[in-house]
């Protein structure tokens, strides 16, 4: 797991969660047929939106940390 996490730059906990989700829901993929594809597209869109939000928050945190340096002394 640690090699996969390092190779794909994700936390090992995420790989464990993904594995658990696959093992619990793999049969449902074959039962639902085309519905799984639509769900995957929605998931990809959600991930893109969340990555964009993370980027916005990172920029805001960086800005605030630079502006607060004179007051916190770091």
PDB file of N, CA and C in Angstrom:
ATOM      1  N   UNK A   1       0.825  -1.197   0.000  1.00  0.00           N
ATOM      2  CA  UNK A   1       0.000   0.000   0.000  1.00  0.00           C
ATOM      3  C   UNK A   1       0.867   1.259   0.000  1.00  0.00           C
ATOM      4  N   UNK A   2       1.954   1.212   0.760  1.00  0.00           N
ATOM      5  CA  UNK A   2       2.793   2.409   0.838  1.00  0.00           C
ATOM      6  C   UNK A   2       3.451   2.719  -0.505  1.00  0.00           C
ATOM      7  N   UNK A   3       3.792   1.680  -1.277  1.00  0.00           N
ATOM      8  CA  UNK A   3       4.379   1.916  -2.601  1.00  0.00           C
ATOM      9  C   UNK A   3       3.361   2.568  -3.535  1.00  0.00           C
ATOM     10  N   UNK A   4       2.120   2.084  -3.507  1.00  0.00           N
ATOM     11  CA  UNK A   4       1.073   2.691  -4.317  1.00  0.00           C
ATOM     12  C   UNK A   4       0.833   4.138  -3.909  1.00  0.00           C
ATOM     13  N   UNK A   5       0.780   4.367  -2.603  1.00  0.00           N
ATOM     14  CA  UNK A   5       0.547   5.722  -2.103  1.00  0.00           C
ATOM     15  C   UNK A   5       1.652   6.666  -2.564  1.00  0.00           C
ATOM     16  N   UNK A   6       2.883   6.207  -2.507  1.00  0.00           N
ATOM     17  CA  UNK A   6       4.000   7.040  -2.945  1.00  0.00           C
ATOM     18  C   UNK A   6       3.964   7.266  -4.460  1.00  0.00           C
ATOM     19  N   UNK A   7       3.627   6.217  -5.204  1.00  0.00           N
ATOM     20  CA  UNK A   7       3.618   6.317  -6.665  1.00  0.00           C
ATOM     21  C   UNK A   7       2.550   7.281  -7.163  1.00  0.00           C
ATOM     22  N   UNK A   8       1.386   7.284  -6.492  1.00  0.00           N
ATOM     23  CA  UNK A   8       0.280   8.130  -6.944  1.00  0.00           C
ATOM     24  C   UNK A   8       0.079   9.360  -6.078  1.00  0.00           C
ATOM     25  N   UNK A   9       0.996   9.578  -5.144  1.00  0.00           N
ATOM     26  CA  UNK A   9       0.988  10.759  -4.281  1.00  0.00           C
ATOM     27  C   UNK A   9      -0.339  10.940  -3.550  1.00  0.00           C
ATOM     28  N   UNK A  10      -0.811   9.855  -2.935  1.00  0.00           N
ATOM     29  CA  UNK A  10      -2.005   9.895  -2.096  1.00  0.00           C
ATOM     30  C   UNK A  10      -1.664   9.276  -0.748  1.00  0.00           C
ATOM     31  N   UNK A  11      -2.485   9.528   0.230  1.00  0.00           N
ATOM     32  CA  UNK A  11      -2.269   8.978   1.560  1.00  0.00           C
ATOM     33  C   UNK A  11      -2.682   7.512   1.564  1.00  0.00           C
ATOM     34  N   UNK A  12      -1.930   6.646   2.243  1.00  0.00           N
ATOM     35  CA  UNK A  12      -2.290   5.225   2.281  1.00  0.00           C
ATOM     36  C   UNK A  12      -3.712   4.967   2.777  1.00  0.00           C
ATOM     37  N   UNK A  13      -4.222   5.819   3.632  1.00  0.00           N
ATOM     38  CA  UNK A  13      -5.591   5.660   4.122  1.00  0.00           C
ATOM     39  C   UNK A  13      -6.591   5.744   2.977  1.00  0.00           C
ATOM     40  N   UNK A  14      -6.320   6.611   2.005  1.00  0.00           N
ATOM     41  CA  UNK A  14      -7.217   6.735   0.852  1.00  0.00           C
ATOM     42  C   UNK A  14      -7.268   5.427   0.069  1.00  0.00           C
ATOM     43  N   UNK A  15      -6.123   4.785  -0.108  1.00  0.00           N
ATOM     44  CA  UNK A  15      -6.092   3.522  -0.839  1.00  0.00           C
ATOM     45  C   UNK A  15      -6.907   2.468  -0.100  1.00  0.00           C
ATOM     46  N   UNK A  16      -6.778   2.431   1.215  1.00  0.00           N
ATOM     47  CA  UNK A  16      -7.573   1.487   2.010  1.00  0.00           C
ATOM     48  C   UNK A  16      -9.070   1.768   1.853  1.00  0.00           C
ATOM     49  N   UNK A  17      -9.453   3.043   1.857  1.00  0.00           N
ATOM     50  CA  UNK A  17     -10.864   3.397   1.701  1.00  0.00           C
ATOM     51  C   UNK A  17     -11.371   3.000   0.320  1.00  0.00           C
ATOM     52  N   UNK A  18     -10.565   3.247  -0.713  1.00  0.00           N
ATOM     53  CA  UNK A  18     -10.966   2.889  -2.068  1.00  0.00           C
ATOM     54  C   UNK A  18     -11.119   1.375  -2.199  1.00  0.00           C
ATOM     55  N   UNK A  19     -10.171   0.640  -1.636  1.00  0.00           N
ATOM     56  CA  UNK A  19     -10.235  -0.821  -1.701  1.00  0.00           C
ATOM     57  C   UNK A  19     -11.503  -1.324  -1.011  1.00  0.00           C
ATOM     58  N   UNK A  20     -11.793  -0.765   0.157  1.00  0.00           N
ATOM     59  CA  UNK A  20     -12.992  -1.174   0.892  1.00  0.00           C
ATOM     60  C   UNK A  20     -14.243  -0.869   0.071  1.00  0.00           C
ATOM     61  N   UNK A  21     -14.295   0.308  -0.554  1.00  0.00           N
ATOM     62  CA  UNK A  21     -15.452   0.691  -1.358  1.00  0.00           C
ATOM     63  C   UNK A  21     -15.631  -0.247  -2.550  1.00  0.00           C
ATOM     64  N   UNK A  22     -14.534  -0.631  -3.185  1.00  0.00           N
ATOM     65  CA  UNK A  22     -14.614  -1.541  -4.323  1.00  0.00           C
ATOM     66  C   UNK A  22     -15.111  -2.906  -3.875  1.00  0.00           C
ATOM     67  N   UNK A  23     -14.556  -3.399  -2.784  1.00  0.00           N
ATOM     68  CA  UNK A  23     -14.963  -4.722  -2.314  1.00  0.00           C
ATOM     69  C   UNK A  23     -16.429  -4.750  -1.897  1.00  0.00           C
ATOM     70  N   UNK A  24     -16.913  -3.653  -1.331  1.00  0.00           N
ATOM     71  CA  UNK A  24     -18.311  -3.598  -0.893  1.00  0.00           C
ATOM     72  C   UNK A  24     -19.279  -3.362  -2.043  1.00  0.00           C
ATOM     73  N   UNK A  25     -18.843  -2.650  -3.087  1.00  0.00           N
ATOM     74  CA  UNK A  25     -19.778  -2.262  -4.130  1.00  0.00           C
ATOM     75  C   UNK A  25     -19.500  -2.819  -5.502  1.00  0.00           C
ATOM     76  N   UNK A  26     -18.541  -3.730  -5.639  1.00  0.00           N
ATOM     77  CA  UNK A  26     -18.178  -4.229  -6.962  1.00  0.00           C
ATOM     78  C   UNK A  26     -19.339  -4.954  -7.635  1.00  0.00           C
ATOM     79  N   UNK A  27     -20.091  -5.723  -6.903  1.00  0.00           N
ATOM     80  CA  UNK A  27     -21.206  -6.454  -7.502  1.00  0.00           C
ATOM     81  C   UNK A  27     -22.255  -5.487  -8.055  1.00  0.00           C
ATOM     82  N   UNK A  28     -22.464  -4.374  -7.403  1.00  0.00           N
ATOM     83  CA  UNK A  28     -23.440  -3.386  -7.849  1.00  0.00           C
ATOM     84  C   UNK A  28     -23.089  -2.770  -9.182  1.00  0.00           C
ATOM     85  N   UNK A  29     -21.820  -2.706  -9.508  1.00  0.00           N
ATOM     86  CA  UNK A  29     -21.400  -2.138 -10.796  1.00  0.00           C
ATOM     87  C   UNK A  29     -21.958  -2.968 -11.938  1.00  0.00           C
ATOM     88  N   UNK A  30     -21.900  -4.279 -11.790  1.00  0.00           N
ATOM     89  CA  UNK A  30     -22.367  -5.164 -12.857  1.00  0.00           C
ATOM     90  C   UNK A  30     -23.882  -5.258 -12.892  1.00  0.00           C
ATOM     91  N   UNK A  31     -24.531  -5.069 -11.762  1.00  0.00           N
ATOM     92  CA  UNK A  31     -25.984  -5.148 -11.700  1.00  0.00           C
ATOM     93  C   UNK A  31     -26.647  -3.924 -12.319  1.00  0.00           C
ATOM     94  N   UNK A  32     -26.070  -2.751 -12.134  1.00  0.00           N
ATOM     95  CA  UNK A  32     -26.693  -1.514 -12.599  1.00  0.00           C
ATOM     96  C   UNK A  32     -26.387  -1.198 -14.044  1.00  0.00           C
ATOM     97  N   UNK A  33     -25.349  -1.761 -14.597  1.00  0.00           N
ATOM     98  CA  UNK A  33     -25.015  -1.532 -16.001  1.00  0.00           C
ATOM     99  C   UNK A  33     -24.620  -0.104 -16.285  1.00  0.00           C
ATOM    100  N   UNK A  34     -25.392   0.601 -17.133  1.00  0.00           N
ATOM    101  CA  UNK A  34     -25.068   1.949 -17.574  1.00  0.00           C
ATOM    102  C   UNK A  34     -25.129   2.997 -16.487  1.00  0.00           C
ATOM    103  N   UNK A  35     -25.850   2.735 -15.434  1.00  0.00           N
ATOM    104  CA  UNK A  35     -25.972   3.714 -14.355  1.00  0.00           C
ATOM    105  C   UNK A  35     -24.618   3.969 -13.689  1.00  0.00           C
ATOM    106  N   UNK A  36     -23.756   2.958 -13.656  1.00  0.00           N
ATOM    107  CA  UNK A  36     -22.439   3.114 -13.041  1.00  0.00           C
ATOM    108  C   UNK A  36     -21.607   4.142 -13.797  1.00  0.00           C
ATOM    109  N   UNK A  37     -21.730   4.194 -15.117  1.00  0.00           N
ATOM    110  CA  UNK A  37     -20.984   5.162 -15.919  1.00  0.00           C
ATOM    111  C   UNK A  37     -21.414   6.574 -15.566  1.00  0.00           C
ATOM    112  N   UNK A  38     -22.711   6.810 -15.459  1.00  0.00           N
ATOM    113  CA  UNK A  38     -23.208   8.141 -15.111  1.00  0.00           C
ATOM    114  C   UNK A  38     -22.717   8.543 -13.724  1.00  0.00           C
ATOM    115  N   UNK A  39     -22.702   7.598 -12.794  1.00  0.00           N
ATOM    116  CA  UNK A  39     -22.222   7.887 -11.447  1.00  0.00           C
ATOM    117  C   UNK A  39     -20.747   8.251 -11.473  1.00  0.00           C
ATOM    118  N   UNK A  40     -19.963   7.569 -12.315  1.00  0.00           N
ATOM    119  CA  UNK A  40     -18.536   7.856 -12.420  1.00  0.00           C
ATOM    120  C   UNK A  40     -18.312   9.261 -12.974  1.00  0.00           C
ATOM    121  N   UNK A  41     -19.127   9.672 -13.947  1.00  0.00           N
ATOM    122  CA  UNK A  41     -18.995  11.013 -14.513  1.00  0.00           C
ATOM    123  C   UNK A  41     -19.328  12.071 -13.471  1.00  0.00           C
ATOM    124  N   UNK A  42     -20.352  11.816 -12.688  1.00  0.00           N
ATOM    125  CA  UNK A  42     -20.706  12.751 -11.614  1.00  0.00           C
ATOM    126  C   UNK A  42     -19.584  12.819 -10.593  1.00  0.00           C
ATOM    127  N   UNK A  43     -19.008  11.669 -10.265  1.00  0.00           N
ATOM    128  CA  UNK A  43     -17.921  11.634  -9.293  1.00  0.00           C
ATOM    129  C   UNK A  43     -16.719  12.425  -9.805  1.00  0.00           C
ATOM    130  N   UNK A  44     -16.392  12.293 -11.099  1.00  0.00           N
ATOM    131  CA  UNK A  44     -15.266  13.037 -11.668  1.00  0.00           C
ATOM    132  C   UNK A  44     -15.519  14.535 -11.599  1.00  0.00           C
ATOM    133  N   UNK A  45     -16.739  14.946 -11.902  1.00  0.00           N
ATOM    134  CA  UNK A  45     -17.080  16.374 -11.836  1.00  0.00           C
ATOM    135  C   UNK A  45     -16.967  16.882 -10.406  1.00  0.00           C
ATOM    136  N   UNK A  46     -17.438  16.089  -9.460  1.00  0.00           N
ATOM    137  CA  UNK A  46     -17.354  16.472  -8.052  1.00  0.00           C
ATOM    138  C   UNK A  46     -15.903  16.599  -7.621  1.00  0.00           C
ATOM    139  N   UNK A  47     -15.068  15.672  -8.049  1.00  0.00           N
ATOM    140  CA  UNK A  47     -13.645  15.716  -7.698  1.00  0.00           C
ATOM    141  C   UNK A  47     -13.005  16.973  -8.271  1.00  0.00           C
ATOM    142  N   UNK A  48     -13.322  17.311  -9.525  1.00  0.00           N
ATOM    143  CA  UNK A  48     -12.768  18.542 -10.112  1.00  0.00           C
ATOM    144  C   UNK A  48     -13.201  19.767  -9.318  1.00  0.00           C
ATOM    145  N   UNK A  49     -14.476  19.818  -8.952  1.00  0.00           N
ATOM    146  CA  UNK A  49     -14.974  20.951  -8.167  1.00  0.00           C
ATOM    147  C   UNK A  49     -14.270  21.036  -6.818  1.00  0.00           C
ATOM    148  N   UNK A  50     -14.086  19.889  -6.183  1.00  0.00           N
ATOM    149  CA  UNK A  50     -13.420  19.882  -4.873  1.00  0.00           C
ATOM    150  C   UNK A  50     -11.950  20.275  -4.987  1.00  0.00           C
ATOM    151  N   UNK A  51     -11.277  19.830  -6.054  1.00  0.00           N
ATOM    152  CA  UNK A  51      -9.884  20.239  -6.259  1.00  0.00           C
ATOM    153  C   UNK A  51      -9.794  21.753  -6.471  1.00  0.00           C
ATOM    154  N   UNK A  52     -10.740  22.306  -7.205  1.00  0.00           N
ATOM    155  CA  UNK A  52     -10.756  23.757  -7.417  1.00  0.00           C
ATOM    156  C   UNK A  52     -10.946  24.480  -6.089  1.00  0.00           C
ATOM    157  N   UNK A  53     -11.852  23.973  -5.258  1.00  0.00           N
ATOM    158  CA  UNK A  53     -12.100  24.597  -3.959  1.00  0.00           C
ATOM    159  C   UNK A  53     -10.865  24.502  -3.074  1.00  0.00           C
ATOM    160  N   UNK A  54     -10.177  23.362  -3.096  1.00  0.00           N
ATOM    161  CA  UNK A  54      -8.946  23.196  -2.317  1.00  0.00           C
ATOM    162  C   UNK A  54      -7.915  24.220  -2.767  1.00  0.00           C
ATOM    163  N   UNK A  55      -7.807  24.424  -4.086  1.00  0.00           N
ATOM    164  CA  UNK A  55      -6.867  25.425  -4.602  1.00  0.00           C
ATOM    165  C   UNK A  55      -7.202  26.819  -4.109  1.00  0.00           C
ATOM    166  N   UNK A  56      -8.484  27.162  -4.136  1.00  0.00           N
ATOM    167  CA  UNK A  56      -8.914  28.484  -3.648  1.00  0.00           C
ATOM    168  C   UNK A  56      -8.561  28.653  -2.176  1.00  0.00           C
ATOM    169  N   UNK A  57      -8.830  27.627  -1.393  1.00  0.00           N
ATOM    170  CA  UNK A  57      -8.552  27.709   0.042  1.00  0.00           C
ATOM    171  C   UNK A  57      -7.052  27.775   0.318  1.00  0.00           C
ATOM    172  N   UNK A  58      -6.257  27.079  -0.469  1.00  0.00           N
ATOM    173  CA  UNK A  58      -4.809  27.128  -0.299  1.00  0.00           C
ATOM    174  C   UNK A  58      -4.288  28.535  -0.575  1.00  0.00           C
ATOM    175  N   UNK A  59      -4.808  29.165  -1.632  1.00  0.00           N
ATOM    176  CA  UNK A  59      -4.402  30.539  -1.959  1.00  0.00           C
ATOM    177  C   UNK A  59      -4.811  31.489  -0.828  1.00  0.00           C
ATOM    178  N   UNK A  60      -6.032  31.322  -0.327  1.00  0.00           N
ATOM    179  CA  UNK A  60      -6.500  32.186   0.757  1.00  0.00           C
ATOM    180  C   UNK A  60      -5.659  31.992   2.010  1.00  0.00           C
ATOM    181  N   UNK A  61      -5.328  30.750   2.341  1.00  0.00           N
ATOM    182  CA  UNK A  61      -4.493  30.489   3.516  1.00  0.00           C
ATOM    183  C   UNK A  61      -3.114  31.109   3.368  1.00  0.00           C
ATOM    184  N   UNK A  62      -2.539  30.988   2.170  1.00  0.00           N
ATOM    185  CA  UNK A  62      -1.228  31.571   1.924  1.00  0.00           C
ATOM    186  C   UNK A  62      -1.281  33.083   2.068  1.00  0.00           C
ATOM    187  N   UNK A  63      -2.296  33.697   1.489  1.00  0.00           N
ATOM    188  CA  UNK A  63      -2.456  35.148   1.579  1.00  0.00           C
ATOM    189  C   UNK A  63      -2.584  35.586   3.036  1.00  0.00           C
ATOM    190  N   UNK A  64      -3.446  34.915   3.778  1.00  0.00           N
ATOM    191  CA  UNK A  64      -3.665  35.293   5.176  1.00  0.00           C
ATOM    192  C   UNK A  64      -2.419  35.068   6.030  1.00  0.00           C
ATOM    193  N   UNK A  65      -1.704  33.985   5.768  1.00  0.00           N
ATOM    194  CA  UNK A  65      -0.499  33.736   6.563  1.00  0.00           C
ATOM    195  C   UNK A  65       0.553  34.818   6.318  1.00  0.00           C
ATOM    196  N   UNK A  66       0.654  35.285   5.064  1.00  0.00           N
ATOM    197  CA  UNK A  66       1.609  36.365   4.780  1.00  0.00           C
ATOM    198  C   UNK A  66       1.176  37.680   5.430  1.00  0.00           C
ATOM    199  N   UNK A  67      -0.125  37.952   5.429  1.00  0.00           N
ATOM    200  CA  UNK A  67      -0.615  39.202   6.012  1.00  0.00           C
ATOM    201  C   UNK A  67      -0.561  39.195   7.539  1.00  0.00           C
ATOM    202  N   UNK A  68      -0.619  38.026   8.156  1.00  0.00           N
ATOM    203  CA  UNK A  68      -0.620  37.939   9.619  1.00  0.00           C
ATOM    204  C   UNK A  68       0.776  37.866  10.217  1.00  0.00           C
ATOM    205  N   UNK A  69       1.797  37.662   9.399  1.00  0.00           N
ATOM    206  CA  UNK A  69       3.163  37.530   9.916  1.00  0.00           C
ATOM    207  C   UNK A  69       3.575  38.675  10.828  1.00  0.00           C
ATOM    208  N   UNK A  70       3.281  39.939  10.492  1.00  0.00           N
ATOM    209  CA  UNK A  70       3.698  41.022  11.393  1.00  0.00           C
ATOM    210  C   UNK A  70       3.059  40.916  12.781  1.00  0.00           C
ATOM    211  N   UNK A  71       1.880  40.338  12.892  1.00  0.00           N
ATOM    212  CA  UNK A  71       1.187  40.284  14.182  1.00  0.00           C
ATOM    213  C   UNK A  71       1.542  39.043  15.007  1.00  0.00           C
ATOM    214  N   UNK A  72       1.874  37.939  14.314  1.00  0.00           N
ATOM    215  CA  UNK A  72       2.158  36.727  15.075  1.00  0.00           C
ATOM    216  C   UNK A  72       3.645  36.480  15.228  1.00  0.00           C
ATOM    217  N   UNK A  73       4.471  37.236  14.523  1.00  0.00           N
ATOM    218  CA  UNK A  73       5.903  37.186  14.707  1.00  0.00           C
ATOM    219  C   UNK A  73       6.577  35.960  14.117  1.00  0.00           C
ATOM    220  N   UNK A  74       5.977  35.321  13.122  1.00  0.00           N
ATOM    221  CA  UNK A  74       6.617  34.143  12.500  1.00  0.00           C
ATOM    222  C   UNK A  74       7.029  34.453  11.103  1.00  0.00           C
TER     223      UNK A  74
END
